[in-house]
Amino acid sequence: MRVLRRALLISVIVVSSLVGAVAVSAAGVPGGLGNRRVSVGSTYTMLGQTGTLHAGAVRATGPVTLSGRWDGGRSQVLAQTSTTADGRFRLTITLHRRGQLELRLGTPDHRVERVVLTVV
């Protein structure tokens, strides 16, 4: 099946603030990251691992980019990293302003995940 051959991205999103933390996970499900309402000043961390094309294959490695745009403005790179040898990555941003932030996560297995944060 085409879907089974497609590389999967396993992402865990952790939103933490002074008040507490919320964790959500998604396993290669489009839109699985879910939109969130978060507090200004909180940090937003994406942890994940790239997928494989088939069982037993080596995981994709390379650059991971988190870009975003505030309130419909121009897109800009917010954070970049590289995967480890086993395809794991971690990106963290601090939310310094209020508004709507559209995030786009691009990984070396050609997955693109999107999430919208409403920062209040």
PDB file of N, CA and C in Angstrom:
ATOM      1  N   MET A   1       0.830  -1.186   0.000  1.00  0.00           N
ATOM      2  CA  MET A   1       0.000   0.000   0.000  1.00  0.00           C
ATOM      3  C   MET A   1       0.869   1.243   0.000  1.00  0.00           C
ATOM      4  N   ARG A   2       0.422   2.229  -0.707  1.00  0.00           N
ATOM      5  CA  ARG A   2       1.168   3.471  -0.830  1.00  0.00           C
ATOM      6  C   ARG A   2       1.405   4.136   0.519  1.00  0.00           C
ATOM      7  N   VAL A   3       0.375   4.135   1.362  1.00  0.00           N
ATOM      8  CA  VAL A   3       0.481   4.781   2.667  1.00  0.00           C
ATOM      9  C   VAL A   3       1.529   4.085   3.526  1.00  0.00           C
ATOM     10  N   LEU A   4       1.601   2.752   3.434  1.00  0.00           N
ATOM     11  CA  LEU A   4       2.573   2.012   4.227  1.00  0.00           C
ATOM     12  C   LEU A   4       3.995   2.279   3.778  1.00  0.00           C
ATOM     13  N   ARG A   5       4.186   2.555   2.504  1.00  0.00           N
ATOM     14  CA  ARG A   5       5.519   2.840   1.999  1.00  0.00           C
ATOM     15  C   ARG A   5       5.973   4.250   2.333  1.00  0.00           C
ATOM     16  N   ARG A   6       5.031   5.085   2.600  1.00  0.00           N
ATOM     17  CA  ARG A   6       5.354   6.484   2.873  1.00  0.00           C
ATOM     18  C   ARG A   6       6.067   6.607   4.215  1.00  0.00           C
ATOM     19  N   ALA A   7       7.062   7.464   4.267  1.00  0.00           N
ATOM     20  CA  ALA A   7       7.809   7.662   5.507  1.00  0.00           C
ATOM     21  C   ALA A   7       6.901   8.277   6.565  1.00  0.00           C
ATOM     22  N   LEU A   8       7.025   7.804   7.800  1.00  0.00           N
ATOM     23  CA  LEU A   8       6.209   8.307   8.895  1.00  0.00           C
ATOM     24  C   LEU A   8       7.034   9.207   9.803  1.00  0.00           C
ATOM     25  N   LEU A   9       6.404  10.198  10.323  1.00  0.00           N
ATOM     26  CA  LEU A   9       7.021  11.096  11.281  1.00  0.00           C
ATOM     27  C   LEU A   9       6.302  10.911  12.604  1.00  0.00           C
ATOM     28  N   ILE A  10       7.076  10.649  13.637  1.00  0.00           N
ATOM     29  CA  ILE A  10       6.486  10.551  14.961  1.00  0.00           C
ATOM     30  C   ILE A  10       6.899  11.803  15.708  1.00  0.00           C
ATOM     31  N   SER A  11       5.926  12.591  16.075  1.00  0.00           N
ATOM     32  CA  SER A  11       6.217  13.854  16.741  1.00  0.00           C
ATOM     33  C   SER A  11       5.542  13.902  18.094  1.00  0.00           C
ATOM     34  N   VAL A  12       6.248  14.451  19.010  1.00  0.00           N
ATOM     35  CA  VAL A  12       5.681  14.736  20.316  1.00  0.00           C
ATOM     36  C   VAL A  12       5.846  16.221  20.528  1.00  0.00           C
ATOM     37  N   ILE A  13       4.789  16.863  20.878  1.00  0.00           N
ATOM     38  CA  ILE A  13       4.836  18.292  21.097  1.00  0.00           C
ATOM     39  C   ILE A  13       4.649  18.546  22.579  1.00  0.00           C
ATOM     40  N   VAL A  14       5.535  19.337  23.099  1.00  0.00           N
ATOM     41  CA  VAL A  14       5.447  19.669  24.508  1.00  0.00           C
ATOM     42  C   VAL A  14       5.327  21.179  24.615  1.00  0.00           C
ATOM     43  N   VAL A  15       4.282  21.629  25.238  1.00  0.00           N
ATOM     44  CA  VAL A  15       4.102  23.054  25.473  1.00  0.00           C
ATOM     45  C   VAL A  15       4.231  23.263  26.967  1.00  0.00           C
ATOM     46  N   SER A  16       5.188  24.090  27.353  1.00  0.00           N
ATOM     47  CA  SER A  16       5.361  24.310  28.792  1.00  0.00           C
ATOM     48  C   SER A  16       5.301  25.796  29.097  1.00  0.00           C
ATOM     49  N   SER A  17       4.812  26.095  30.260  1.00  0.00           N
ATOM     50  CA  SER A  17       4.756  27.477  30.714  1.00  0.00           C
ATOM     51  C   SER A  17       4.958  27.474  32.214  1.00  0.00           C
ATOM     52  N   LEU A  18       4.879  28.629  32.803  1.00  0.00           N
ATOM     53  CA  LEU A  18       5.047  28.724  34.249  1.00  0.00           C
ATOM     54  C   LEU A  18       3.933  27.994  34.992  1.00  0.00           C
ATOM     55  N   VAL A  19       2.772  27.887  34.382  1.00  0.00           N
ATOM     56  CA  VAL A  19       1.622  27.278  35.029  1.00  0.00           C
ATOM     57  C   VAL A  19       1.658  25.755  34.958  1.00  0.00           C
ATOM     58  N   GLY A  20       2.150  25.200  33.899  1.00  0.00           N
ATOM     59  CA  GLY A  20       2.150  23.750  33.746  1.00  0.00           C
ATOM     60  C   GLY A  20       2.595  23.349  32.366  1.00  0.00           C
ATOM     61  N   ALA A  21       2.321  22.109  32.012  1.00  0.00           N
ATOM     62  CA  ALA A  21       2.747  21.603  30.706  1.00  0.00           C
ATOM     63  C   ALA A  21       1.648  20.741  30.105  1.00  0.00           C
ATOM     64  N   VAL A  22       1.603  20.720  28.779  1.00  0.00           N
ATOM     65  CA  VAL A  22       0.665  19.887  28.042  1.00  0.00           C
ATOM     66  C   VAL A  22       1.478  19.105  27.018  1.00  0.00           C
ATOM     67  N   ALA A  23       1.229  17.824  26.890  1.00  0.00           N
ATOM     68  CA  ALA A  23       1.939  17.006  25.896  1.00  0.00           C
ATOM     69  C   ALA A  23       0.925  16.339  24.982  1.00  0.00           C
ATOM     70  N   VAL A  24       1.220  16.343  23.687  1.00  0.00           N
ATOM     71  CA  VAL A  24       0.360  15.718  22.690  1.00  0.00           C
ATOM     72  C   VAL A  24       1.260  14.965  21.734  1.00  0.00           C
ATOM     73  N   SER A  25       0.817  13.801  21.252  1.00  0.00           N
ATOM     74  CA  SER A  25       1.634  13.082  20.287  1.00  0.00           C
ATOM     75  C   SER A  25       0.803  12.739  19.057  1.00  0.00           C
ATOM     76  N   ALA A  26       1.502  12.569  17.938  1.00  0.00           N
ATOM     77  CA  ALA A  26       0.862  12.167  16.691  1.00  0.00           C
ATOM     78  C   ALA A  26       1.824  11.263  15.949  1.00  0.00           C
ATOM     79  N   ALA A  27       1.315  10.275  15.261  1.00  0.00           N
ATOM     80  CA  ALA A  27       2.166   9.329  14.540  1.00  0.00           C
ATOM     81  C   ALA A  27       1.835   9.356  13.049  1.00  0.00           C
ATOM     82  N   GLY A  28       2.441  10.285  12.341  1.00  0.00           N
ATOM     83  CA  GLY A  28       2.270  10.347  10.901  1.00  0.00           C
ATOM     84  C   GLY A  28       0.862  10.613  10.411  1.00  0.00           C
ATOM     85  N   VAL A  29       0.027  11.182  11.259  1.00  0.00           N
ATOM     86  CA  VAL A  29      -1.356  11.451  10.872  1.00  0.00           C
ATOM     87  C   VAL A  29      -1.449  12.893  10.403  1.00  0.00           C
ATOM     88  N   PRO A  30      -1.869  13.138   9.144  1.00  0.00           N
ATOM     89  CA  PRO A  30      -1.991  14.513   8.680  1.00  0.00           C
ATOM     90  C   PRO A  30      -2.877  15.317   9.610  1.00  0.00           C
ATOM     91  N   GLY A  31      -2.378  16.465  10.033  1.00  0.00           N
ATOM     92  CA  GLY A  31      -3.126  17.312  10.954  1.00  0.00           C
ATOM     93  C   GLY A  31      -3.134  16.768  12.364  1.00  0.00           C
ATOM     94  N   GLY A  32      -2.363  15.700  12.607  1.00  0.00           N
ATOM     95  CA  GLY A  32      -2.355  15.049  13.908  1.00  0.00           C
ATOM     96  C   GLY A  32      -1.740  15.874  15.017  1.00  0.00           C
ATOM     97  N   LEU A  33      -0.957  16.884  14.641  1.00  0.00           N
ATOM     98  CA  LEU A  33      -0.334  17.699  15.666  1.00  0.00           C
ATOM     99  C   LEU A  33      -1.364  18.564  16.370  1.00  0.00           C
ATOM    100  N   GLY A  34      -2.389  18.967  15.679  1.00  0.00           N
ATOM    101  CA  GLY A  34      -3.490  19.714  16.294  1.00  0.00           C
ATOM    102  C   GLY A  34      -3.138  21.157  16.599  1.00  0.00           C
ATOM    103  N   ASN A  35      -4.098  22.030  16.433  1.00  0.00           N
ATOM    104  CA  ASN A  35      -3.905  23.434  16.759  1.00  0.00           C
ATOM    105  C   ASN A  35      -3.993  23.609  18.263  1.00  0.00           C
ATOM    106  N   ARG A  36      -3.290  24.590  18.789  1.00  0.00           N
ATOM    107  CA  ARG A  36      -3.181  24.786  20.236  1.00  0.00           C
ATOM    108  C   ARG A  36      -3.359  26.249  20.613  1.00  0.00           C
ATOM    109  N   ARG A  37      -3.815  26.449  21.830  1.00  0.00           N
ATOM    110  CA  ARG A  37      -3.862  27.778  22.449  1.00  0.00           C
ATOM    111  C   ARG A  37      -2.828  27.743  23.556  1.00  0.00           C
ATOM    112  N   VAL A  38      -1.860  28.660  23.499  1.00  0.00           N
ATOM    113  CA  VAL A  38      -0.749  28.658  24.458  1.00  0.00           C
ATOM    114  C   VAL A  38      -0.524  30.067  25.005  1.00  0.00           C
ATOM    115  N   SER A  39       0.208  30.150  26.098  1.00  0.00           N
ATOM    116  CA  SER A  39       0.470  31.432  26.749  1.00  0.00           C
ATOM    117  C   SER A  39       1.728  32.094  26.212  1.00  0.00           C
ATOM    118  N   VAL A  40       1.683  33.423  26.107  1.00  0.00           N
ATOM    119  CA  VAL A  40       2.865  34.165  25.720  1.00  0.00           C
ATOM    120  C   VAL A  40       3.951  33.908  26.771  1.00  0.00           C
ATOM    121  N   GLY A  41       5.178  33.759  26.332  1.00  0.00           N
ATOM    122  CA  GLY A  41       6.285  33.470  27.241  1.00  0.00           C
ATOM    123  C   GLY A  41       6.566  31.994  27.412  1.00  0.00           C
ATOM    124  N   SER A  42       5.658  31.134  26.928  1.00  0.00           N
ATOM    125  CA  SER A  42       5.874  29.691  27.061  1.00  0.00           C
ATOM    126  C   SER A  42       6.837  29.208  25.977  1.00  0.00           C
ATOM    127  N   THR A  43       7.369  28.016  26.176  1.00  0.00           N
ATOM    128  CA  THR A  43       8.219  27.406  25.157  1.00  0.00           C
ATOM    129  C   THR A  43       7.426  26.318  24.460  1.00  0.00           C
ATOM    130  N   TYR A  44       7.764  26.072  23.200  1.00  0.00           N
ATOM    131  CA  TYR A  44       7.086  25.078  22.383  1.00  0.00           C
ATOM    132  C   TYR A  44       8.176  24.178  21.820  1.00  0.00           C
ATOM    133  N   THR A  45       8.127  22.903  22.163  1.00  0.00           N
ATOM    134  CA  THR A  45       9.166  21.961  21.751  1.00  0.00           C
ATOM    135  C   THR A  45       8.569  20.868  20.883  1.00  0.00           C
ATOM    136  N   MET A  46       9.236  20.592  19.784  1.00  0.00           N
ATOM    137  CA  MET A  46       8.857  19.484  18.908  1.00  0.00           C
ATOM    138  C   MET A  46       9.959  18.440  18.978  1.00  0.00           C
ATOM    139  N   LEU A  47       9.575  17.247  19.383  1.00  0.00           N
ATOM    140  CA  LEU A  47      10.477  16.098  19.422  1.00  0.00           C
ATOM    141  C   LEU A  47       9.956  15.103  18.408  1.00  0.00           C
ATOM    142  N   GLY A  48      10.834  14.465  17.687  1.00  0.00           N
ATOM    143  CA  GLY A  48      10.336  13.501  16.714  1.00  0.00           C
ATOM    144  C   GLY A  48      11.418  12.592  16.195  1.00  0.00           C
ATOM    145  N   GLN A  49      10.996  11.716  15.323  1.00  0.00           N
ATOM    146  CA  GLN A  49      11.897  10.791  14.653  1.00  0.00           C
ATOM    147  C   GLN A  49      11.370  10.587  13.240  1.00  0.00           C
ATOM    148  N   THR A  50      12.266  10.640  12.282  1.00  0.00           N
ATOM    149  CA  THR A  50      11.864  10.452  10.896  1.00  0.00           C
ATOM    150  C   THR A  50      11.450   9.009  10.672  1.00  0.00           C
ATOM    151  N   GLY A  51      10.783   8.791   9.568  1.00  0.00           N
ATOM    152  CA  GLY A  51      10.291   7.457   9.245  1.00  0.00           C
ATOM    153  C   GLY A  51      11.235   6.697   8.330  1.00  0.00           C
ATOM    154  N   THR A  52      10.804   5.498   7.958  1.00  0.00           N
ATOM    155  CA  THR A  52      11.524   4.665   7.002  1.00  0.00           C
ATOM    156  C   THR A  52      10.588   4.348   5.846  1.00  0.00           C
ATOM    157  N   LEU A  53      11.160   4.000   4.729  1.00  0.00           N
ATOM    158  CA  LEU A  53      10.340   3.671   3.573  1.00  0.00           C
ATOM    159  C   LEU A  53       9.750   2.272   3.676  1.00  0.00           C
ATOM    160  N   HIS A  54      10.433   1.383   4.377  1.00  0.00           N
ATOM    161  CA  HIS A  54       9.923   0.024   4.588  1.00  0.00           C
ATOM    162  C   HIS A  54      10.588  -0.568   5.825  1.00  0.00           C
ATOM    163  N   ALA A  55      10.015  -1.617   6.366  1.00  0.00           N
ATOM    164  CA  ALA A  55      10.516  -2.235   7.596  1.00  0.00           C
ATOM    165  C   ALA A  55      11.988  -2.611   7.442  1.00  0.00           C
ATOM    166  N   GLY A  56      12.773  -2.289   8.463  1.00  0.00           N
ATOM    167  CA  GLY A  56      14.183  -2.627   8.470  1.00  0.00           C
ATOM    168  C   GLY A  56      15.080  -1.624   7.772  1.00  0.00           C
ATOM    169  N   ALA A  57      14.509  -0.628   7.123  1.00  0.00           N
ATOM    170  CA  ALA A  57      15.308   0.375   6.413  1.00  0.00           C
ATOM    171  C   ALA A  57      15.891   1.389   7.400  1.00  0.00           C
ATOM    172  N   VAL A  58      16.934   2.060   6.972  1.00  0.00           N
ATOM    173  CA  VAL A  58      17.566   3.099   7.773  1.00  0.00           C
ATOM    174  C   VAL A  58      16.662   4.332   7.769  1.00  0.00           C
ATOM    175  N   ARG A  59      16.550   4.993   8.910  1.00  0.00           N
ATOM    176  CA  ARG A  59      15.727   6.203   9.000  1.00  0.00           C
ATOM    177  C   ARG A  59      16.403   7.360   8.272  1.00  0.00           C
ATOM    178  N   ALA A  60      15.590   8.251   7.747  1.00  0.00           N
ATOM    179  CA  ALA A  60      16.108   9.422   7.041  1.00  0.00           C
ATOM    180  C   ALA A  60      16.850  10.324   8.017  1.00  0.00           C
ATOM    181  N   THR A  61      17.982  10.865   7.595  1.00  0.00           N
ATOM    182  CA  THR A  61      18.749  11.797   8.417  1.00  0.00           C
ATOM    183  C   THR A  61      19.017  13.061   7.610  1.00  0.00           C
ATOM    184  N   GLY A  62      19.270  14.149   8.320  1.00  0.00           N
ATOM    185  CA  GLY A  62      19.560  15.407   7.651  1.00  0.00           C
ATOM    186  C   GLY A  62      18.936  16.587   8.370  1.00  0.00           C
ATOM    187  N   PRO A  63      18.774  17.701   7.662  1.00  0.00           N
ATOM    188  CA  PRO A  63      18.262  18.922   8.293  1.00  0.00           C
ATOM    189  C   PRO A  63      16.761  18.866   8.590  1.00  0.00           C
ATOM    190  N   VAL A  64      16.394  19.501   9.699  1.00  0.00           N
ATOM    191  CA  VAL A  64      14.996  19.665  10.104  1.00  0.00           C
ATOM    192  C   VAL A  64      14.785  21.167  10.285  1.00  0.00           C
ATOM    193  N   THR A  65      13.740  21.697   9.676  1.00  0.00           N
ATOM    194  CA  THR A  65      13.504  23.138   9.725  1.00  0.00           C
ATOM    195  C   THR A  65      12.096  23.427  10.235  1.00  0.00           C
ATOM    196  N   LEU A  66      12.026  24.344  11.184  1.00  0.00           N
ATOM    197  CA  LEU A  66      10.745  24.834  11.688  1.00  0.00           C
ATOM    198  C   LEU A  66      10.614  26.281  11.238  1.00  0.00           C
ATOM    199  N   SER A  67       9.644  26.535  10.370  1.00  0.00           N
ATOM    200  CA  SER A  67       9.392  27.909   9.923  1.00  0.00           C
ATOM    201  C   SER A  67       8.012  28.319  10.412  1.00  0.00           C
ATOM    202  N   GLY A  68       7.785  29.619  10.433  1.00  0.00           N
ATOM    203  CA  GLY A  68       6.496  30.099  10.909  1.00  0.00           C
ATOM    204  C   GLY A  68       6.198  31.481  10.396  1.00  0.00           C
ATOM    205  N   ARG A  69       4.932  31.844  10.494  1.00  0.00           N
ATOM    206  CA  ARG A  69       4.533  33.206  10.137  1.00  0.00           C
ATOM    207  C   ARG A  69       3.499  33.683  11.140  1.00  0.00           C
ATOM    208  N   TRP A  70       3.703  34.888  11.603  1.00  0.00           N
ATOM    209  CA  TRP A  70       2.815  35.508  12.578  1.00  0.00           C
ATOM    210  C   TRP A  70       1.702  36.258  11.875  1.00  0.00           C
ATOM    211  N   ASP A  71       0.488  35.993  12.287  1.00  0.00           N
ATOM    212  CA  ASP A  71      -0.699  36.736  11.831  1.00  0.00           C
ATOM    213  C   ASP A  71      -0.746  36.894  10.313  1.00  0.00           C
ATOM    214  N   GLY A  72      -0.409  35.828   9.585  1.00  0.00           N
ATOM    215  CA  GLY A  72      -0.494  35.842   8.135  1.00  0.00           C
ATOM    216  C   GLY A  72       0.630  36.578   7.433  1.00  0.00           C
ATOM    217  N   GLY A  73       1.660  36.998   8.159  1.00  0.00           N
ATOM    218  CA  GLY A  73       2.782  37.726   7.559  1.00  0.00           C
ATOM    219  C   GLY A  73       3.717  36.799   6.795  1.00  0.00           C
ATOM    220  N   ARG A  74       4.920  37.293   6.539  1.00  0.00           N
ATOM    221  CA  ARG A  74       5.923  36.527   5.798  1.00  0.00           C
ATOM    222  C   ARG A  74       6.435  35.358   6.631  1.00  0.00           C
ATOM    223  N   SER A  75       6.707  34.260   5.950  1.00  0.00           N
ATOM    224  CA  SER A  75       7.260  33.077   6.603  1.00  0.00           C
ATOM    225  C   SER A  75       8.744  33.295   6.873  1.00  0.00           C
ATOM    226  N   GLN A  76       9.194  32.819   8.035  1.00  0.00           N
ATOM    227  CA  GLN A  76      10.608  32.920   8.379  1.00  0.00           C
ATOM    228  C   GLN A  76      11.043  31.669   9.130  1.00  0.00           C
ATOM    229  N   VAL A  77      12.315  31.344   9.034  1.00  0.00           N
ATOM    230  CA  VAL A  77      12.858  30.188   9.747  1.00  0.00           C
ATOM    231  C   VAL A  77      12.961  30.547  11.223  1.00  0.00           C
ATOM    232  N   LEU A  78      12.348  29.721  12.081  1.00  0.00           N
ATOM    233  CA  LEU A  78      12.362  29.960  13.521  1.00  0.00           C
ATOM    234  C   LEU A  78      13.406  29.109  14.235  1.00  0.00           C
ATOM    235  N   ALA A  79      13.657  27.902  13.713  1.00  0.00           N
ATOM    236  CA  ALA A  79      14.644  27.010  14.327  1.00  0.00           C
ATOM    237  C   ALA A  79      15.078  25.963  13.309  1.00  0.00           C
ATOM    238  N   GLN A  80      16.327  25.539  13.425  1.00  0.00           N
ATOM    239  CA  GLN A  80      16.865  24.485  12.561  1.00  0.00           C
ATOM    240  C   GLN A  80      17.733  23.562  13.392  1.00  0.00           C
ATOM    241  N   THR A  81      17.767  22.307  12.986  1.00  0.00           N
ATOM    242  CA  THR A  81      18.648  21.336  13.612  1.00  0.00           C
ATOM    243  C   THR A  81      18.903  20.225  12.604  1.00  0.00           C
ATOM    244  N   SER A  82      19.705  19.263  12.989  1.00  0.00           N
ATOM    245  CA  SER A  82      19.924  18.066  12.181  1.00  0.00           C
ATOM    246  C   SER A  82      19.507  16.862  13.003  1.00  0.00           C
ATOM    247  N   THR A  83      19.087  15.823  12.335  1.00  0.00           N
ATOM    248  CA  THR A  83      18.710  14.601  13.041  1.00  0.00           C
ATOM    249  C   THR A  83      19.965  13.909  13.571  1.00  0.00           C
ATOM    250  N   THR A  84      19.758  13.044  14.548  1.00  0.00           N
ATOM    251  CA  THR A  84      20.834  12.161  14.987  1.00  0.00           C
ATOM    252  C   THR A  84      20.929  11.022  13.973  1.00  0.00           C
ATOM    253  N   ALA A  85      21.875  10.127  14.171  1.00  0.00           N
ATOM    254  CA  ALA A  85      22.069   9.009  13.239  1.00  0.00           C
ATOM    255  C   ALA A  85      20.830   8.124  13.126  1.00  0.00           C
ATOM    256  N   ASP A  86      20.004   8.086  14.180  1.00  0.00           N
ATOM    257  CA  ASP A  86      18.788   7.267  14.136  1.00  0.00           C
ATOM    258  C   ASP A  86      17.541   8.074  13.783  1.00  0.00           C
ATOM    259  N   GLY A  87      17.726   9.296  13.258  1.00  0.00           N
ATOM    260  CA  GLY A  87      16.604  10.093  12.767  1.00  0.00           C
ATOM    261  C   GLY A  87      15.875  10.926  13.806  1.00  0.00           C
ATOM    262  N   ARG A  88      16.376  10.989  15.032  1.00  0.00           N
ATOM    263  CA  ARG A  88      15.697  11.770  16.081  1.00  0.00           C
ATOM    264  C   ARG A  88      16.070  13.250  15.988  1.00  0.00           C
ATOM    265  N   PHE A  89      15.113  14.115  16.400  1.00  0.00           N
ATOM    266  CA  PHE A  89      15.364  15.554  16.405  1.00  0.00           C
ATOM    267  C   PHE A  89      14.583  16.225  17.520  1.00  0.00           C
ATOM    268  N   ARG A  90      15.008  17.456  17.843  1.00  0.00           N
ATOM    269  CA  ARG A  90      14.340  18.267  18.858  1.00  0.00           C
ATOM    270  C   ARG A  90      14.528  19.734  18.480  1.00  0.00           C
ATOM    271  N   LEU A  91      13.420  20.473  18.452  1.00  0.00           N
ATOM    272  CA  LEU A  91      13.440  21.911  18.179  1.00  0.00           C
ATOM    273  C   LEU A  91      12.611  22.618  19.245  1.00  0.00           C
ATOM    274  N   THR A  92      13.105  23.749  19.742  1.00  0.00           N
ATOM    275  CA  THR A  92      12.376  24.515  20.756  1.00  0.00           C
ATOM    276  C   THR A  92      12.358  25.985  20.376  1.00  0.00           C
ATOM    277  N   ILE A  93      11.184  26.604  20.526  1.00  0.00           N
ATOM    278  CA  ILE A  93      11.067  28.047  20.342  1.00  0.00           C
ATOM    279  C   ILE A  93      10.381  28.621  21.570  1.00  0.00           C
ATOM    280  N   THR A  94      10.652  29.902  21.841  1.00  0.00           N
ATOM    281  CA  THR A  94       9.966  30.623  22.914  1.00  0.00           C
ATOM    282  C   THR A  94       8.993  31.596  22.263  1.00  0.00           C
ATOM    283  N   LEU A  95       7.776  31.609  22.761  1.00  0.00           N
ATOM    284  CA  LEU A  95       6.709  32.438  22.185  1.00  0.00           C
ATOM    285  C   LEU A  95       6.678  33.789  22.898  1.00  0.00           C
ATOM    286  N   HIS A  96       7.326  34.787  22.288  1.00  0.00           N
ATOM    287  CA  HIS A  96       7.514  36.105  22.909  1.00  0.00           C
ATOM    288  C   HIS A  96       6.408  37.103  22.628  1.00  0.00           C
ATOM    289  N   ARG A  97       5.490  36.778  21.739  1.00  0.00           N
ATOM    290  CA  ARG A  97       4.444  37.745  21.409  1.00  0.00           C
ATOM    291  C   ARG A  97       3.096  37.058  21.248  1.00  0.00           C
ATOM    292  N   ARG A  98       2.054  37.875  21.320  1.00  0.00           N
ATOM    293  CA  ARG A  98       0.694  37.376  21.151  1.00  0.00           C
ATOM    294  C   ARG A  98       0.316  37.383  19.670  1.00  0.00           C
ATOM    295  N   GLY A  99      -0.617  36.513  19.314  1.00  0.00           N
ATOM    296  CA  GLY A  99      -1.108  36.464  17.944  1.00  0.00           C
ATOM    297  C   GLY A  99      -1.228  35.025  17.474  1.00  0.00           C
ATOM    298  N   GLN A 100      -1.434  34.885  16.181  1.00  0.00           N
ATOM    299  CA  GLN A 100      -1.572  33.560  15.595  1.00  0.00           C
ATOM    300  C   GLN A 100      -0.274  33.207  14.870  1.00  0.00           C
ATOM    301  N   LEU A 101       0.314  32.078  15.244  1.00  0.00           N
ATOM    302  CA  LEU A 101       1.565  31.615  14.650  1.00  0.00           C
ATOM    303  C   LEU A 101       1.305  30.321  13.894  1.00  0.00           C
ATOM    304  N   GLU A 102       1.505  30.360  12.586  1.00  0.00           N
ATOM    305  CA  GLU A 102       1.369  29.165  11.748  1.00  0.00           C
ATOM    306  C   GLU A 102       2.750  28.540  11.624  1.00  0.00           C
ATOM    307  N   LEU A 103       2.894  27.309  12.123  1.00  0.00           N
ATOM    308  CA  LEU A 103       4.171  26.607  12.085  1.00  0.00           C
ATOM    309  C   LEU A 103       4.178  25.568  10.975  1.00  0.00           C
ATOM    310  N   ARG A 104       5.356  25.368  10.375  1.00  0.00           N
ATOM    311  CA  ARG A 104       5.562  24.356   9.338  1.00  0.00           C
ATOM    312  C   ARG A 104       6.870  23.642   9.655  1.00  0.00           C
ATOM    313  N   LEU A 105       6.786  22.346   9.894  1.00  0.00           N
ATOM    314  CA  LEU A 105       7.952  21.520  10.208  1.00  0.00           C
ATOM    315  C   LEU A 105       8.294  20.675   8.987  1.00  0.00           C
ATOM    316  N   GLY A 106       9.515  20.828   8.480  1.00  0.00           N
ATOM    317  CA  GLY A 106       9.980  20.041   7.341  1.00  0.00           C
ATOM    318  C   GLY A 106      11.103  19.118   7.771  1.00  0.00           C
ATOM    319  N   THR A 107      11.004  17.833   7.401  1.00  0.00           N
ATOM    320  CA  THR A 107      11.989  16.841   7.814  1.00  0.00           C
ATOM    321  C   THR A 107      12.659  16.200   6.593  1.00  0.00           C
ATOM    322  N   PRO A 108      13.803  15.533   6.795  1.00  0.00           N
ATOM    323  CA  PRO A 108      14.528  14.958   5.664  1.00  0.00           C
ATOM    324  C   PRO A 108      13.832  13.782   4.981  1.00  0.00           C
ATOM    325  N   ASP A 109      12.774  13.245   5.578  1.00  0.00           N
ATOM    326  CA  ASP A 109      12.017  12.186   4.908  1.00  0.00           C
ATOM    327  C   ASP A 109      10.870  12.782   4.080  1.00  0.00           C
ATOM    328  N   HIS A 110      10.964  14.100   3.844  1.00  0.00           N
ATOM    329  CA  HIS A 110      10.037  14.856   2.991  1.00  0.00           C
ATOM    330  C   HIS A 110       8.637  14.977   3.572  1.00  0.00           C
ATOM    331  N   ARG A 111       8.518  14.821   4.872  1.00  0.00           N
ATOM    332  CA  ARG A 111       7.242  15.048   5.554  1.00  0.00           C
ATOM    333  C   ARG A 111       7.133  16.525   5.874  1.00  0.00           C
ATOM    334  N   VAL A 112       5.927  17.038   5.827  1.00  0.00           N
ATOM    335  CA  VAL A 112       5.647  18.408   6.241  1.00  0.00           C
ATOM    336  C   VAL A 112       4.465  18.346   7.186  1.00  0.00           C
ATOM    337  N   GLU A 113       4.650  18.842   8.377  1.00  0.00           N
ATOM    338  CA  GLU A 113       3.571  18.906   9.362  1.00  0.00           C
ATOM    339  C   GLU A 113       3.276  20.367   9.639  1.00  0.00           C
ATOM    340  N   ARG A 114       2.010  20.671   9.844  1.00  0.00           N
ATOM    341  CA  ARG A 114       1.606  22.048  10.124  1.00  0.00           C
ATOM    342  C   ARG A 114       0.774  22.099  11.398  1.00  0.00           C
ATOM    343  N   VAL A 115       0.902  23.193  12.106  1.00  0.00           N
ATOM    344  CA  VAL A 115       0.111  23.439  13.308  1.00  0.00           C
ATOM    345  C   VAL A 115      -0.049  24.947  13.452  1.00  0.00           C
ATOM    346  N   VAL A 116      -1.187  25.363  13.998  1.00  0.00           N
ATOM    347  CA  VAL A 116      -1.427  26.778  14.261  1.00  0.00           C
ATOM    348  C   VAL A 116      -1.506  26.980  15.763  1.00  0.00           C
ATOM    349  N   LEU A 117      -0.696  27.906  16.268  1.00  0.00           N
ATOM    350  CA  LEU A 117      -0.726  28.245  17.680  1.00  0.00           C
ATOM    351  C   LEU A 117      -1.390  29.608  17.844  1.00  0.00           C
ATOM    352  N   THR A 118      -2.321  29.688  18.763  1.00  0.00           N
ATOM    353  CA  THR A 118      -2.889  30.972  19.144  1.00  0.00           C
ATOM    354  C   THR A 118      -2.237  31.343  20.468  1.00  0.00           C
ATOM    355  N   VAL A 119      -1.412  32.372  20.437  1.00  0.00           N
ATOM    356  CA  VAL A 119      -0.641  32.776  21.604  1.00  0.00           C
ATOM    357  C   VAL A 119      -1.381  33.912  22.302  1.00  0.00           C
ATOM    358  N   VAL A 120      -1.765  33.670  23.561  1.00  0.00           N
ATOM    359  CA  VAL A 120      -2.535  34.665  24.327  1.00  0.00           C
ATOM    360  C   VAL A 120      -1.799  35.092  25.574  1.00  0.00           C
TER     361      VAL A 120
END
